[in-house]
């Protein structure tokens, strides 16, 4: 009798473990869509990239010296925009780091003029107050103007489209602001 109870408890633990493992695997993006994480001791809070994490850029100063203000800035690395998930992750890191110029590059060229210093400051405040939880499972994929688009709800309300433009997924709206603001 005792052996049967012990066996039933073991089966229950295995079933619960399998359920948790399966439920987690459905809600997370594929490992290829996620940047490597920092070690657990240095990991930032969930949804908040570390402020001291380096930005993925295509060029860095070769001598390690600071760039002059008048020098052109390097652009975002293609890997930082390789998927809609990576674009959001990159944008959140740039918001946290306060890098307006690189943050602007996560949007379509037609949207970039809307990413002003005021809009950037408002985005920084909002993502600190409201967790960014894109609903990737309910995202809608379609083709527009010859390129793939993935529309996703960023805060549970309005949809933002991420457009695949030459292998870079760029947002078609200033998703970090409430609808109706700049």
Protein backbone atom coordinates (compact mmCIF):
# COMPACT_ATOMS: atom_id res chain seq x y z
CA UNK A 1 0.00 0.00 0.00
CA UNK A 2 2.78 2.40 0.95
CA UNK A 3 4.62 1.63 -2.30
CA UNK A 4 1.50 2.47 -4.32
CA UNK A 5 1.16 5.84 -2.59
CA UNK A 6 4.83 6.61 -3.15
CA UNK A 7 4.46 5.68 -6.82
CA UNK A 8 1.37 7.89 -7.16
CA UNK A 9 3.19 10.83 -5.58
CA UNK A 10 6.15 10.32 -7.94
CA UNK A 11 3.85 10.26 -10.97
CA UNK A 12 2.15 13.43 -9.73
CA UNK A 13 5.49 15.23 -9.40
CA UNK A 14 6.54 14.14 -12.89
CA UNK A 15 3.21 15.31 -14.35
CA UNK A 16 3.43 18.71 -12.66
CA UNK A 17 7.04 19.11 -13.80
CA UNK A 18 6.12 18.22 -17.38
CA UNK A 19 3.20 20.64 -17.32
CA UNK A 20 5.39 23.49 -16.08
CA UNK A 21 8.06 22.72 -18.66
CA UNK A 22 5.56 22.64 -21.51
CA UNK A 23 3.70 25.76 -20.42
CA UNK A 24 6.96 27.70 -20.20
CA UNK A 25 8.18 26.56 -23.61
CA UNK A 26 5.01 27.90 -25.29
CA UNK A 27 5.27 31.41 -23.88
CA UNK A 28 8.92 32.10 -24.56
CA UNK A 29 10.40 33.12 -27.92
CA UNK A 30 12.69 30.65 -29.65
CA UNK A 31 16.27 30.70 -28.34
CA UNK A 32 17.46 32.02 -31.70
CA UNK A 33 15.24 35.09 -31.19
CA UNK A 34 16.61 35.96 -27.78
CA UNK A 35 19.97 37.54 -26.98
CA UNK A 36 22.23 35.68 -24.57
CA UNK A 37 21.46 36.51 -20.93
CA UNK A 38 23.87 37.75 -18.33
CA UNK A 39 24.84 35.35 -15.52
CA UNK A 40 22.12 35.04 -12.87
CA UNK A 41 24.08 37.06 -10.31
CA UNK A 42 24.34 40.01 -12.69
CA UNK A 43 21.00 39.57 -14.44
CA UNK A 44 18.73 42.64 -14.48
CA UNK A 45 15.10 42.49 -13.44
CA UNK A 46 12.87 40.73 -16.00
CA UNK A 47 11.93 43.00 -18.91
CA UNK A 48 14.62 45.50 -17.94
CA UNK A 49 17.96 45.17 -19.77
CA UNK A 50 21.03 46.16 -17.82
CA UNK A 51 21.95 49.81 -18.20
CA UNK A 52 25.63 48.93 -18.51
CA UNK A 53 25.12 46.33 -21.23
CA UNK A 54 26.92 47.29 -24.43
CA UNK A 55 24.85 48.32 -27.42
CA UNK A 56 25.13 46.08 -30.45
CA UNK A 57 26.64 48.39 -33.05
CA UNK A 58 28.26 47.82 -36.41
CA UNK A 59 31.38 49.84 -35.64
CA UNK A 60 33.33 50.77 -32.54
CA UNK A 61 36.24 53.16 -32.08
CA UNK A 62 39.39 51.14 -32.78
CA UNK A 63 41.56 52.79 -30.13
CA UNK A 64 38.93 52.66 -27.37
CA UNK A 65 38.85 56.46 -27.11
CA UNK A 66 35.53 58.28 -26.85
CA UNK A 67 34.04 59.39 -30.12
CA UNK A 68 33.95 63.09 -30.84
CA UNK A 69 30.49 64.63 -30.73
CA UNK A 70 30.73 65.69 -34.36
CA UNK A 71 31.71 62.21 -35.58
CA UNK A 72 28.93 60.14 -37.13
CA UNK A 73 27.54 57.46 -34.82
CA UNK A 74 27.70 53.82 -35.66
CA UNK A 75 24.44 52.12 -36.56
CA UNK A 76 22.76 49.18 -34.87
CA UNK A 77 24.11 45.76 -35.70
CA UNK A 78 21.85 43.71 -37.96
CA UNK A 79 21.67 41.01 -35.25
CA UNK A 80 20.09 43.52 -32.85
CA UNK A 81 17.13 43.78 -35.25
CA UNK A 82 17.11 40.19 -36.52
CA UNK A 83 13.57 39.47 -35.29
CA UNK A 84 10.68 41.46 -33.84
CA UNK A 85 11.54 40.03 -30.42
CA UNK A 86 15.18 41.12 -30.72
CA UNK A 87 14.11 44.58 -31.91
CA UNK A 88 11.92 45.05 -28.83
CA UNK A 89 14.68 43.77 -26.56
CA UNK A 90 17.19 46.11 -28.20
CA UNK A 91 14.81 49.08 -27.99
CA UNK A 92 14.20 48.45 -24.27
CA UNK A 93 17.94 48.35 -23.64
CA UNK A 94 18.43 51.60 -25.54
CA UNK A 95 15.61 53.25 -23.58
CA UNK A 96 17.20 52.15 -20.32
CA UNK A 97 20.62 53.39 -21.45
CA UNK A 98 19.18 56.72 -22.66
CA UNK A 99 20.45 56.33 -26.24
CA UNK A 100 17.99 58.28 -28.39
CA UNK A 101 20.00 58.07 -31.64
CA UNK A 102 20.22 54.28 -31.63
CA UNK A 103 16.66 53.88 -30.29
CA UNK A 104 15.42 55.88 -33.29
CA UNK A 105 17.01 53.26 -35.59
CA UNK A 106 14.60 50.58 -34.33
CA UNK A 107 11.77 52.28 -36.29
CA UNK A 108 10.90 52.56 -39.96
CA UNK A 109 12.45 55.65 -41.63
CA UNK A 110 8.97 57.17 -41.96
CA UNK A 111 8.47 56.95 -38.17
CA UNK A 112 11.94 58.11 -37.09
CA UNK A 113 11.10 61.86 -37.21
CA UNK A 114 8.38 61.21 -34.58
CA UNK A 115 11.02 59.89 -32.17
CA UNK A 116 11.84 63.27 -30.64
CA UNK A 117 13.66 63.92 -27.37
CA UNK A 118 10.28 64.53 -25.69
CA UNK A 119 8.78 61.32 -27.07
CA UNK A 120 11.91 59.42 -26.01
CA UNK A 121 11.67 60.80 -22.45
CA UNK A 122 7.98 59.86 -22.32
CA UNK A 123 8.79 56.34 -23.54
CA UNK A 124 11.46 55.95 -20.87
CA UNK A 125 8.96 56.95 -18.17
CA UNK A 126 6.26 54.62 -19.51
CA UNK A 127 8.37 51.48 -19.76
CA UNK A 128 9.53 52.06 -16.17
CA UNK A 129 5.90 52.28 -15.01
CA UNK A 130 4.18 49.68 -17.20
CA UNK A 131 5.77 46.33 -18.06
CA UNK A 132 6.25 45.76 -21.78
CA UNK A 133 4.61 42.44 -22.56
CA UNK A 134 4.22 41.87 -26.29
CA UNK A 135 1.69 39.11 -27.03
CA UNK A 136 3.83 37.15 -29.50
CA UNK A 137 1.49 34.15 -29.45
CA UNK A 138 -1.39 36.21 -30.85
CA UNK A 139 0.74 38.15 -33.35
CA UNK A 140 -0.58 38.38 -36.91
CA UNK A 141 1.81 37.87 -39.81
CA UNK A 142 1.17 39.13 -43.34
CA UNK A 143 2.93 40.67 -46.32
CA UNK A 144 2.79 44.37 -47.20
CA UNK A 145 4.65 46.24 -49.91
CA UNK A 146 6.70 43.12 -50.63
CA UNK A 147 7.99 42.49 -47.11
CA UNK A 148 6.85 40.51 -44.11
CA UNK A 149 5.04 42.28 -41.28
CA UNK A 150 4.28 40.93 -37.82
CA UNK A 151 1.58 42.87 -35.91
CA UNK A 152 1.66 42.44 -32.17
CA UNK A 153 -0.08 43.96 -29.17
CA UNK A 154 2.60 45.62 -27.04
CA UNK A 155 0.58 46.73 -24.00
CA UNK A 156 -2.63 44.79 -24.51
CA UNK A 157 -4.36 47.44 -26.61
CA UNK A 158 -3.06 48.86 -29.89
CA UNK A 159 -1.14 46.81 -32.42
CA UNK A 160 2.36 47.63 -33.64
CA UNK A 161 3.70 46.27 -36.89
CA UNK A 162 7.28 45.08 -37.17
CA UNK A 163 8.39 45.17 -40.81
CA UNK A 164 11.18 42.97 -42.20
CA UNK A 165 13.22 45.47 -44.22
CA UNK A 166 16.31 43.79 -45.65
CA UNK A 167 16.65 41.48 -42.64
CA UNK A 168 16.04 44.22 -40.06
CA UNK A 169 12.70 44.21 -38.20
CA UNK A 170 11.61 47.82 -37.70
CA UNK A 171 8.56 49.12 -35.81
CA UNK A 172 5.91 51.11 -37.71
CA UNK A 173 4.70 53.04 -34.65
CA UNK A 174 6.03 54.59 -31.47
CA UNK A 175 4.78 51.59 -29.49
CA UNK A 176 6.05 52.81 -26.10
CA UNK A 177 3.59 55.72 -25.95
CA UNK A 178 -0.14 55.45 -25.30
CA UNK A 179 -2.27 55.79 -28.40
CA UNK A 180 -2.97 59.44 -29.23
CA UNK A 181 0.32 60.83 -27.88
CA UNK A 182 3.30 61.87 -30.07
